[in-house]
Amino acid sequence: MADVQDPSSSDSLVEIQAMLGIAGIEPTGADLASLGRIFPALRRKVDRMYDVDTGDGVTAAIFRAESDS
């Protein structure tokens, strides 16, 4: 089973502050606390999307235009 992080974990808050800081956003204490509760579950969902095996093959058809002239 996936690691379950405590929503109030200081690691989550540090990670959130770092990501938002890169974008120049400084959330208030209430906003940061809310993000701290939401972020761990959201992060697990995003990480699961990377676990899906999509294969190494080409996923789109290739069109090669040929001239009739």
PDB file of N, CA and C in Angstrom:
ATOM      1  N   MET A   1       0.839  -1.173   0.000  1.00  0.00           N
ATOM      2  CA  MET A   1       0.000   0.000   0.000  1.00  0.00           C
ATOM      3  C   MET A   1       0.886   1.239   0.000  1.00  0.00           C
ATOM      4  N   ALA A   2       0.411   2.331  -0.571  1.00  0.00           N
ATOM      5  CA  ALA A   2       1.183   3.568  -0.679  1.00  0.00           C
ATOM      6  C   ALA A   2       1.405   4.173   0.696  1.00  0.00           C
ATOM      7  N   ASP A   3       2.501   4.902   0.820  1.00  0.00           N
ATOM      8  CA  ASP A   3       2.777   5.605   2.061  1.00  0.00           C
ATOM      9  C   ASP A   3       1.682   6.618   2.311  1.00  0.00           C
ATOM     10  N   VAL A   4       1.168   6.640   3.539  1.00  0.00           N
ATOM     11  CA  VAL A   4       0.141   7.607   3.905  1.00  0.00           C
ATOM     12  C   VAL A   4       0.816   8.674   4.742  1.00  0.00           C
ATOM     13  N   GLN A   5       0.781   9.900   4.245  1.00  0.00           N
ATOM     14  CA  GLN A   5       1.402  11.005   4.957  1.00  0.00           C
ATOM     15  C   GLN A   5       0.387  11.706   5.833  1.00  0.00           C
ATOM     16  N   ASP A   6       0.853  12.199   6.974  1.00  0.00           N
ATOM     17  CA  ASP A   6       0.029  13.016   7.841  1.00  0.00           C
ATOM     18  C   ASP A   6      -0.228  14.341   7.130  1.00  0.00           C
ATOM     19  N   PRO A   7      -1.503  14.721   6.932  1.00  0.00           N
ATOM     20  CA  PRO A   7      -1.800  15.959   6.210  1.00  0.00           C
ATOM     21  C   PRO A   7      -1.152  17.199   6.812  1.00  0.00           C
ATOM     22  N   SER A   8      -0.876  17.188   8.101  1.00  0.00           N
ATOM     23  CA  SER A   8      -0.262  18.356   8.728  1.00  0.00           C
ATOM     24  C   SER A   8       1.255  18.223   8.750  1.00  0.00           C
ATOM     25  N   SER A   9       1.787  17.260   8.025  1.00  0.00           N
ATOM     26  CA  SER A   9       3.221  17.014   8.002  1.00  0.00           C
ATOM     27  C   SER A   9       3.979  18.254   7.547  1.00  0.00           C
ATOM     28  N   SER A  10       5.038  18.567   8.271  1.00  0.00           N
ATOM     29  CA  SER A  10       5.833  19.735   7.900  1.00  0.00           C
ATOM     30  C   SER A  10       6.518  19.515   6.556  1.00  0.00           C
ATOM     31  N   ASP A  11       6.786  18.248   6.193  1.00  0.00           N
ATOM     32  CA  ASP A  11       7.386  17.962   4.885  1.00  0.00           C
ATOM     33  C   ASP A  11       6.456  18.398   3.757  1.00  0.00           C
ATOM     34  N   SER A  12       5.164  18.129   3.906  1.00  0.00           N
ATOM     35  CA  SER A  12       4.187  18.543   2.894  1.00  0.00           C
ATOM     36  C   SER A  12       4.135  20.061   2.793  1.00  0.00           C
ATOM     37  N   LEU A  13       4.144  20.722   3.929  1.00  0.00           N
ATOM     38  CA  LEU A  13       4.069  22.177   3.919  1.00  0.00           C
ATOM     39  C   LEU A  13       5.313  22.790   3.297  1.00  0.00           C
ATOM     40  N   VAL A  14       6.465  22.206   3.578  1.00  0.00           N
ATOM     41  CA  VAL A  14       7.711  22.704   2.985  1.00  0.00           C
ATOM     42  C   VAL A  14       7.674  22.525   1.473  1.00  0.00           C
ATOM     43  N   GLU A  15       7.188  21.360   1.024  1.00  0.00           N
ATOM     44  CA  GLU A  15       7.096  21.092  -0.414  1.00  0.00           C
ATOM     45  C   GLU A  15       6.118  22.050  -1.092  1.00  0.00           C
ATOM     46  N   ILE A  16       4.989  22.290  -0.455  1.00  0.00           N
ATOM     47  CA  ILE A  16       3.993  23.224  -0.998  1.00  0.00           C
ATOM     48  C   ILE A  16       4.574  24.624  -1.094  1.00  0.00           C
ATOM     49  N   GLN A  17       5.211  25.073  -0.021  1.00  0.00           N
ATOM     50  CA  GLN A  17       5.799  26.417  -0.015  1.00  0.00           C
ATOM     51  C   GLN A  17       6.874  26.545  -1.085  1.00  0.00           C
ATOM     52  N   ALA A  18       7.660  25.498  -1.299  1.00  0.00           N
ATOM     53  CA  ALA A  18       8.713  25.550  -2.319  1.00  0.00           C
ATOM     54  C   ALA A  18       8.116  25.667  -3.713  1.00  0.00           C
ATOM     55  N   MET A  19       7.086  24.854  -4.002  1.00  0.00           N
ATOM     56  CA  MET A  19       6.465  24.895  -5.331  1.00  0.00           C
ATOM     57  C   MET A  19       5.799  26.243  -5.598  1.00  0.00           C
ATOM     58  N   LEU A  20       5.069  26.742  -4.606  1.00  0.00           N
ATOM     59  CA  LEU A  20       4.403  28.026  -4.788  1.00  0.00           C
ATOM     60  C   LEU A  20       5.412  29.165  -4.827  1.00  0.00           C
ATOM     61  N   GLY A  21       6.489  29.032  -4.069  1.00  0.00           N
ATOM     62  CA  GLY A  21       7.525  30.056  -4.072  1.00  0.00           C
ATOM     63  C   GLY A  21       8.167  30.214  -5.436  1.00  0.00           C
ATOM     64  N   ILE A  22       8.346  29.104  -6.148  1.00  0.00           N
ATOM     65  CA  ILE A  22       8.898  29.155  -7.511  1.00  0.00           C
ATOM     66  C   ILE A  22       7.993  29.993  -8.407  1.00  0.00           C
ATOM     67  N   ALA A  23       6.689  29.901  -8.181  1.00  0.00           N
ATOM     68  CA  ALA A  23       5.725  30.665  -8.976  1.00  0.00           C
ATOM     69  C   ALA A  23       5.517  32.076  -8.424  1.00  0.00           C
ATOM     70  N   GLY A  24       6.178  32.403  -7.314  1.00  0.00           N
ATOM     71  CA  GLY A  24       6.035  33.730  -6.730  1.00  0.00           C
ATOM     72  C   GLY A  24       4.774  33.899  -5.905  1.00  0.00           C
ATOM     73  N   ILE A  25       4.211  32.776  -5.433  1.00  0.00           N
ATOM     74  CA  ILE A  25       2.972  32.827  -4.646  1.00  0.00           C
ATOM     75  C   ILE A  25       3.313  32.552  -3.186  1.00  0.00           C
ATOM     76  N   GLU A  26       2.824  33.405  -2.296  1.00  0.00           N
ATOM     77  CA  GLU A  26       3.031  33.216  -0.862  1.00  0.00           C
ATOM     78  C   GLU A  26       1.671  33.116  -0.187  1.00  0.00           C
ATOM     79  N   PRO A  27       1.193  31.882   0.068  1.00  0.00           N
ATOM     80  CA  PRO A  27      -0.137  31.723   0.654  1.00  0.00           C
ATOM     81  C   PRO A  27      -0.180  32.164   2.115  1.00  0.00           C
ATOM     82  N   THR A  28      -1.377  32.573   2.557  1.00  0.00           N
ATOM     83  CA  THR A  28      -1.577  32.940   3.956  1.00  0.00           C
ATOM     84  C   THR A  28      -1.579  31.674   4.803  1.00  0.00           C
ATOM     85  N   GLY A  29      -1.566  31.829   6.114  1.00  0.00           N
ATOM     86  CA  GLY A  29      -1.561  30.679   7.020  1.00  0.00           C
ATOM     87  C   GLY A  29      -2.753  29.766   6.812  1.00  0.00           C
ATOM     88  N   ALA A  30      -3.948  30.336   6.646  1.00  0.00           N
ATOM     89  CA  ALA A  30      -5.156  29.524   6.448  1.00  0.00           C
ATOM     90  C   ALA A  30      -5.105  28.785   5.117  1.00  0.00           C
ATOM     91  N   ASP A  31      -4.659  29.474   4.072  1.00  0.00           N
ATOM     92  CA  ASP A  31      -4.552  28.834   2.757  1.00  0.00           C
ATOM     93  C   ASP A  31      -3.500  27.731   2.777  1.00  0.00           C
ATOM     94  N   LEU A  32      -2.402  27.983   3.440  1.00  0.00           N
ATOM     95  CA  LEU A  32      -1.330  26.999   3.529  1.00  0.00           C
ATOM     96  C   LEU A  32      -1.803  25.766   4.298  1.00  0.00           C
ATOM     97  N   ALA A  33      -2.553  25.973   5.377  1.00  0.00           N
ATOM     98  CA  ALA A  33      -3.089  24.853   6.149  1.00  0.00           C
ATOM     99  C   ALA A  33      -4.052  24.026   5.303  1.00  0.00           C
ATOM    100  N   SER A  34      -4.890  24.698   4.525  1.00  0.00           N
ATOM    101  CA  SER A  34      -5.833  24.001   3.651  1.00  0.00           C
ATOM    102  C   SER A  34      -5.091  23.193   2.592  1.00  0.00           C
ATOM    103  N   LEU A  35      -4.090  23.811   1.976  1.00  0.00           N
ATOM    104  CA  LEU A  35      -3.285  23.098   0.984  1.00  0.00           C
ATOM    105  C   LEU A  35      -2.545  21.925   1.617  1.00  0.00           C
ATOM    106  N   GLY A  36      -2.117  22.084   2.850  1.00  0.00           N
ATOM    107  CA  GLY A  36      -1.441  21.006   3.565  1.00  0.00           C
ATOM    108  C   GLY A  36      -2.336  19.804   3.769  1.00  0.00           C
ATOM    109  N   ARG A  37      -3.629  20.029   3.923  1.00  0.00           N
ATOM    110  CA  ARG A  37      -4.582  18.920   4.070  1.00  0.00           C
ATOM    111  C   ARG A  37      -4.881  18.268   2.732  1.00  0.00           C
ATOM    112  N   ILE A  38      -4.953  19.042   1.675  1.00  0.00           N
ATOM    113  CA  ILE A  38      -5.345  18.544   0.353  1.00  0.00           C
ATOM    114  C   ILE A  38      -4.181  17.906  -0.400  1.00  0.00           C
ATOM    115  N   PHE A  39      -2.994  18.473  -0.264  1.00  0.00           N
ATOM    116  CA  PHE A  39      -1.853  18.104  -1.095  1.00  0.00           C
ATOM    117  C   PHE A  39      -1.463  16.625  -1.044  1.00  0.00           C
ATOM    118  N   PRO A  40      -1.362  15.994   0.131  1.00  0.00           N
ATOM    119  CA  PRO A  40      -0.905  14.590   0.132  1.00  0.00           C
ATOM    120  C   PRO A  40      -1.789  13.663  -0.707  1.00  0.00           C
ATOM    121  N   ALA A  41      -3.100  13.806  -0.610  1.00  0.00           N
ATOM    122  CA  ALA A  41      -3.994  12.949  -1.402  1.00  0.00           C
ATOM    123  C   ALA A  41      -3.876  13.259  -2.887  1.00  0.00           C
ATOM    124  N   LEU A  42      -3.787  14.542  -3.217  1.00  0.00           N
ATOM    125  CA  LEU A  42      -3.628  14.935  -4.614  1.00  0.00           C
ATOM    126  C   LEU A  42      -2.314  14.397  -5.169  1.00  0.00           C
ATOM    127  N   ARG A  43      -1.257  14.480  -4.395  1.00  0.00           N
ATOM    128  CA  ARG A  43       0.053  13.990  -4.828  1.00  0.00           C
ATOM    129  C   ARG A  43       0.008  12.492  -5.098  1.00  0.00           C
ATOM    130  N   ARG A  44      -0.674  11.723  -4.225  1.00  0.00           N
ATOM    131  CA  ARG A  44      -0.794  10.273  -4.436  1.00  0.00           C
ATOM    132  C   ARG A  44      -1.544   9.983  -5.737  1.00  0.00           C
ATOM    133  N   LYS A  45      -2.597  10.749  -6.033  1.00  0.00           N
ATOM    134  CA  LYS A  45      -3.361  10.538  -7.268  1.00  0.00           C
ATOM    135  C   LYS A  45      -2.500  10.807  -8.494  1.00  0.00           C
ATOM    136  N   VAL A  46      -1.736  11.878  -8.469  1.00  0.00           N
ATOM    137  CA  VAL A  46      -0.864  12.208  -9.599  1.00  0.00           C
ATOM    138  C   VAL A  46       0.216  11.151  -9.755  1.00  0.00           C
ATOM    139  N   ASP A  47       0.796  10.703  -8.655  1.00  0.00           N
ATOM    140  CA  ASP A  47       1.820   9.661  -8.716  1.00  0.00           C
ATOM    141  C   ASP A  47       1.266   8.374  -9.322  1.00  0.00           C
ATOM    142  N   ARG A  48       0.008   8.031  -9.027  1.00  0.00           N
ATOM    143  CA  ARG A  48      -0.606   6.822  -9.606  1.00  0.00           C
ATOM    144  C   ARG A  48      -0.749   6.937 -11.119  1.00  0.00           C
ATOM    145  N   MET A  49      -0.941   8.155 -11.638  1.00  0.00           N
ATOM    146  CA  MET A  49      -1.054   8.311 -13.093  1.00  0.00           C
ATOM    147  C   MET A  49       0.254   7.926 -13.778  1.00  0.00           C
ATOM    148  N   TYR A  50       1.380   8.152 -13.118  1.00  0.00           N
ATOM    149  CA  TYR A  50       2.666   7.786 -13.682  1.00  0.00           C
ATOM    150  C   TYR A  50       2.930   6.285 -13.603  1.00  0.00           C
ATOM    151  N   ASP A  51       2.154   5.561 -12.797  1.00  0.00           N
ATOM    152  CA  ASP A  51       2.318   4.115 -12.665  1.00  0.00           C
ATOM    153  C   ASP A  51       1.634   3.346 -13.796  1.00  0.00           C
ATOM    154  N   VAL A  52       0.792   3.993 -14.581  1.00  0.00           N
ATOM    155  CA  VAL A  52       0.059   3.330 -15.658  1.00  0.00           C
ATOM    156  C   VAL A  52       1.018   3.018 -16.798  1.00  0.00           C
ATOM    157  N   ASP A  53       1.070   1.736 -17.177  1.00  0.00           N
ATOM    158  CA  ASP A  53       1.941   1.325 -18.270  1.00  0.00           C
ATOM    159  C   ASP A  53       1.250   1.616 -19.601  1.00  0.00           C
ATOM    160  N   THR A  54       1.826   2.499 -20.361  1.00  0.00           N
ATOM    161  CA  THR A  54       1.254   2.851 -21.653  1.00  0.00           C
ATOM    162  C   THR A  54       1.991   2.182 -22.803  1.00  0.00           C
ATOM    163  N   GLY A  55       3.025   1.426 -22.499  1.00  0.00           N
ATOM    164  CA  GLY A  55       3.783   0.747 -23.539  1.00  0.00           C
ATOM    165  C   GLY A  55       4.739   1.694 -24.236  1.00  0.00           C
ATOM    166  N   ASP A  56       5.612   1.103 -25.027  1.00  0.00           N
ATOM    167  CA  ASP A  56       6.616   1.905 -25.709  1.00  0.00           C
ATOM    168  C   ASP A  56       6.272   2.158 -27.173  1.00  0.00           C
ATOM    169  N   GLY A  57       5.184   1.601 -27.646  1.00  0.00           N
ATOM    170  CA  GLY A  57       4.830   1.749 -29.057  1.00  0.00           C
ATOM    171  C   GLY A  57       4.305   3.129 -29.391  1.00  0.00           C
ATOM    172  N   VAL A  58       4.243   3.411 -30.676  1.00  0.00           N
ATOM    173  CA  VAL A  58       3.693   4.676 -31.146  1.00  0.00           C
ATOM    174  C   VAL A  58       2.196   4.655 -30.882  1.00  0.00           C
ATOM    175  N   THR A  59       1.680   5.709 -30.263  1.00  0.00           N
ATOM    176  CA  THR A  59       0.265   5.722 -29.898  1.00  0.00           C
ATOM    177  C   THR A  59      -0.600   6.468 -30.902  1.00  0.00           C
ATOM    178  N   ALA A  60       0.014   7.154 -31.853  1.00  0.00           N
ATOM    179  CA  ALA A  60      -0.753   7.900 -32.846  1.00  0.00           C
ATOM    180  C   ALA A  60      -0.441   7.357 -34.238  1.00  0.00           C
ATOM    181  N   ALA A  61      -1.422   7.407 -35.101  1.00  0.00           N
ATOM    182  CA  ALA A  61      -1.213   6.973 -36.471  1.00  0.00           C
ATOM    183  C   ALA A  61      -0.254   7.936 -37.178  1.00  0.00           C
ATOM    184  N   ILE A  62       0.471   7.414 -38.121  1.00  0.00           N
ATOM    185  CA  ILE A  62       1.407   8.236 -38.886  1.00  0.00           C
ATOM    186  C   ILE A  62       0.832   8.425 -40.282  1.00  0.00           C
ATOM    187  N   PHE A  63       0.739   9.650 -40.725  1.00  0.00           N
ATOM    188  CA  PHE A  63       0.217   9.978 -42.053  1.00  0.00           C
ATOM    189  C   PHE A  63       1.365  10.388 -42.940  1.00  0.00           C
ATOM    190  N   ARG A  64       1.480   9.714 -44.050  1.00  0.00           N
ATOM    191  CA  ARG A  64       2.513  10.081 -45.028  1.00  0.00           C
ATOM    192  C   ARG A  64       1.791  10.508 -46.319  1.00  0.00           C
ATOM    193  N   ALA A  65       1.872  11.772 -46.589  1.00  0.00           N
ATOM    194  CA  ALA A  65       1.213  12.301 -47.789  1.00  0.00           C
ATOM    195  C   ALA A  65       2.020  11.906 -49.018  1.00  0.00           C
ATOM    196  N   GLU A  66       1.315  11.437 -50.035  1.00  0.00           N
ATOM    197  CA  GLU A  66       1.980  11.079 -51.291  1.00  0.00           C
ATOM    198  C   GLU A  66       1.356  11.915 -52.408  1.00  0.00           C
ATOM    199  N   SER A  67       2.201  12.370 -53.278  1.00  0.00           N
ATOM    200  CA  SER A  67       1.756  13.197 -54.382  1.00  0.00           C
ATOM    201  C   SER A  67       1.167  12.325 -55.475  1.00  0.00           C
ATOM    202  N   ASP A  68       0.022  12.767 -56.102  1.00  0.00           N
ATOM    203  CA  ASP A  68      -0.592  12.039 -57.215  1.00  0.00           C
ATOM    204  C   ASP A  68       0.059  12.422 -58.540  1.00  0.00           C
ATOM    205  N   SER A  69       0.853  13.465 -58.576  1.00  0.00           N
ATOM    206  CA  SER A  69       1.410  13.900 -59.848  1.00  0.00           C
ATOM    207  C   SER A  69       2.707  13.252 -60.177  1.00  0.00           C
TER     208      SER A  69
END
